[in-house]
Protein backbone atom coordinates (compact mmCIF):
# COMPACT_ATOMS: atom_id res chain seq x y z
CA MET A 1 -15.84 -33.87 65.75
CA ASP A 2 -17.42 -31.55 63.23
CA SER A 3 -15.65 -28.96 61.13
CA LYS A 4 -16.68 -26.13 63.46
CA ASP A 5 -14.45 -27.53 66.20
CA SER A 6 -11.31 -27.33 64.10
CA THR A 7 -11.18 -23.57 63.75
CA PHE A 8 -8.64 -21.19 65.22
CA LYS A 9 -10.62 -18.15 66.27
CA LYS A 10 -9.22 -14.76 67.16
CA LYS A 11 -10.23 -15.31 70.79
CA GLU A 12 -7.96 -18.36 70.94
CA LYS A 13 -4.89 -16.30 70.04
CA LEU A 14 -2.53 -15.46 72.86
CA LYS A 15 -2.03 -11.70 72.81
CA ASN A 16 -1.63 -10.68 76.43
CA LYS A 17 1.92 -9.40 76.98
CA LYS A 18 1.91 -10.30 80.69
CA VAL A 19 0.92 -13.89 79.93
CA PHE A 20 3.66 -14.10 77.26
CA GLU A 21 6.25 -12.97 79.81
CA GLN A 22 4.80 -15.33 82.41
CA LEU A 23 5.26 -18.23 79.96
CA PHE A 24 8.98 -17.52 79.59
CA VAL A 25 9.52 -16.95 83.32
CA GLU A 26 7.45 -19.66 85.00
CA GLY A 27 6.08 -21.74 82.14
CA LYS A 28 6.75 -25.47 81.97
CA GLY A 29 8.30 -26.80 78.80
CA LEU A 30 8.02 -29.91 76.67
CA THR A 31 10.12 -30.56 73.58
CA ALA A 32 9.51 -32.69 70.51
CA PHE A 33 12.06 -31.54 67.97
CA PRO A 34 11.72 -29.23 66.01
CA LEU A 35 9.14 -27.73 68.41
CA LYS A 36 8.99 -26.70 72.03
CA LEU A 37 5.78 -26.12 73.93
CA LEU A 38 5.78 -23.68 76.83
CA TYR A 39 2.61 -23.72 78.89
CA THR A 40 1.29 -22.26 82.08
CA LYS A 41 -2.02 -22.25 83.93
CA THR A 42 -3.79 -18.90 83.64
CA ASP A 43 -7.15 -17.24 84.15
CA PHE A 44 -9.11 -16.09 81.12
CA ASP A 45 -12.55 -14.71 81.66
CA ASP A 46 -13.80 -15.04 78.09
CA GLY A 47 -14.75 -18.71 78.14
CA ILE A 48 -11.72 -19.91 76.15
CA ASN A 49 -9.77 -22.75 77.82
CA ILE A 50 -6.58 -22.56 75.81
CA LYS A 51 -4.92 -19.56 74.19
CA VAL A 52 -2.09 -20.23 71.78
CA GLY A 53 0.86 -18.26 70.49
CA VAL A 54 3.44 -19.32 67.90
CA VAL A 55 7.03 -18.13 67.52
CA ALA A 56 9.56 -18.45 64.72
CA PRO A 57 12.94 -16.94 65.68
CA LYS A 58 14.28 -14.00 63.68
CA LYS A 59 17.81 -15.24 64.33
CA LYS A 60 17.22 -18.42 62.33
CA PHE A 61 14.81 -17.00 59.73
CA LYS A 62 15.96 -13.57 58.61
CA SER A 63 13.22 -13.29 56.01
CA ALA A 64 9.81 -12.29 57.37
CA VAL A 65 8.22 -14.34 54.60
CA LYS A 66 9.88 -17.51 55.92
CA ARG A 67 9.04 -16.67 59.55
CA ASN A 68 5.41 -16.12 58.63
CA ARG A 69 5.35 -19.41 56.70
CA VAL A 70 6.66 -21.29 59.75
CA LYS A 71 4.05 -19.60 61.98
CA ARG A 72 1.28 -20.46 59.51
CA LEU A 73 2.37 -24.11 59.54
CA LEU A 74 2.38 -24.13 63.36
CA ARG A 75 -1.08 -22.57 63.61
CA GLU A 76 -2.52 -24.94 61.01
CA ALA A 77 -1.05 -28.03 62.70
CA TYR A 78 -2.41 -26.85 66.07
CA ARG A 79 -5.83 -26.13 64.56
CA LEU A 80 -6.10 -29.67 63.22
CA ASN A 81 -4.77 -31.31 66.41
CA LYS A 82 -6.37 -29.21 69.14
CA HIS A 83 -9.15 -31.77 69.56
CA VAL A 84 -6.50 -33.94 71.29
CA VAL A 85 -6.56 -31.67 74.38
CA PHE A 86 -9.70 -29.60 74.08
CA ASN A 87 -12.20 -31.46 76.25
CA LYS A 88 -9.67 -33.39 78.29
CA ILE A 89 -8.25 -30.67 80.52
CA GLU A 90 -9.54 -28.69 83.44
CA GLY A 91 -8.63 -25.06 83.89
CA ASN A 92 -7.24 -22.48 81.52
CA PHE A 93 -3.84 -22.68 79.88
CA ALA A 94 -1.65 -20.49 77.73
CA PHE A 95 0.39 -22.37 75.12
CA LEU A 96 3.38 -21.08 73.20
CA PHE A 97 4.80 -23.16 70.38
CA LEU A 98 8.42 -22.28 69.60
CA TYR A 99 10.06 -23.50 66.42
CA LEU A 100 13.61 -24.70 67.21
CA GLY A 101 14.81 -26.01 63.84
CA ASN A 102 17.25 -24.24 61.52
CA THR A 103 15.65 -25.27 58.25
CA MET A 104 12.26 -24.64 56.73
CA PRO A 105 9.93 -27.36 58.10
CA ASN A 106 7.45 -29.34 56.10
CA TYR A 107 3.89 -29.72 57.34
CA ASP A 108 4.23 -33.41 58.26
CA GLU A 109 7.08 -32.91 60.74
CA VAL A 110 5.34 -29.93 62.37
CA ASP A 111 2.06 -31.87 62.57
CA GLY A 112 3.78 -34.89 64.14
CA SER A 113 5.61 -32.75 66.69
CA ILE A 114 2.50 -30.83 67.72
CA ASN A 115 0.61 -34.07 68.17
CA LYS A 116 3.41 -35.50 70.35
CA LEU A 117 3.57 -32.31 72.42
CA LEU A 118 -0.18 -32.22 73.03
CA GLU A 119 -0.19 -35.91 74.04
CA ALA A 120 2.78 -35.33 76.37
CA PHE A 121 1.06 -32.28 77.85
CA LEU A 122 -2.07 -34.33 78.61
CA LYS A 123 0.01 -37.07 80.24
CA LYS A 124 1.96 -34.60 82.35
CA GLU A 125 -1.11 -32.65 83.45
CA SER A 126 -3.15 -35.72 84.36
CA HIS A 127 -0.14 -37.09 86.26
CA GLU A 128 0.30 -33.82 88.20
CA LYS A 129 -3.41 -33.70 88.99
CA LYS A 130 -3.25 -37.20 90.53
CA ASN A 131 -0.31 -36.16 92.71
CA THR A 132 -1.96 -33.00 94.00
CA HIS A 133 -5.29 -34.60 95.00
């Protein structure tokens, strides 16, 4: 994988309000503490397979500086681990990474959790695909 593949472009950001709401209503969830991944199958017509959003709760992090730091860590960990799922799935998905912890995370724990979540997502999706065909 070359360095061009590990970018997080603007097009890969999840911004559609309807899709965000859809994630909370009908999205499937996987948890690897301190993160939770909500995902749902969607239709994007811009050639991007996966769109990603990150959330750090205001209730746990009152300071916007801390919330933004958590979100930066989540985006960075996803950027470096997205190769795990990128060419191994069919269809389009919306991902939302929620930070569940109460304390400021360090990069290693976020990175490990994101990796576990992406692996679990692949396992679950490939398992569901076998059962539907």
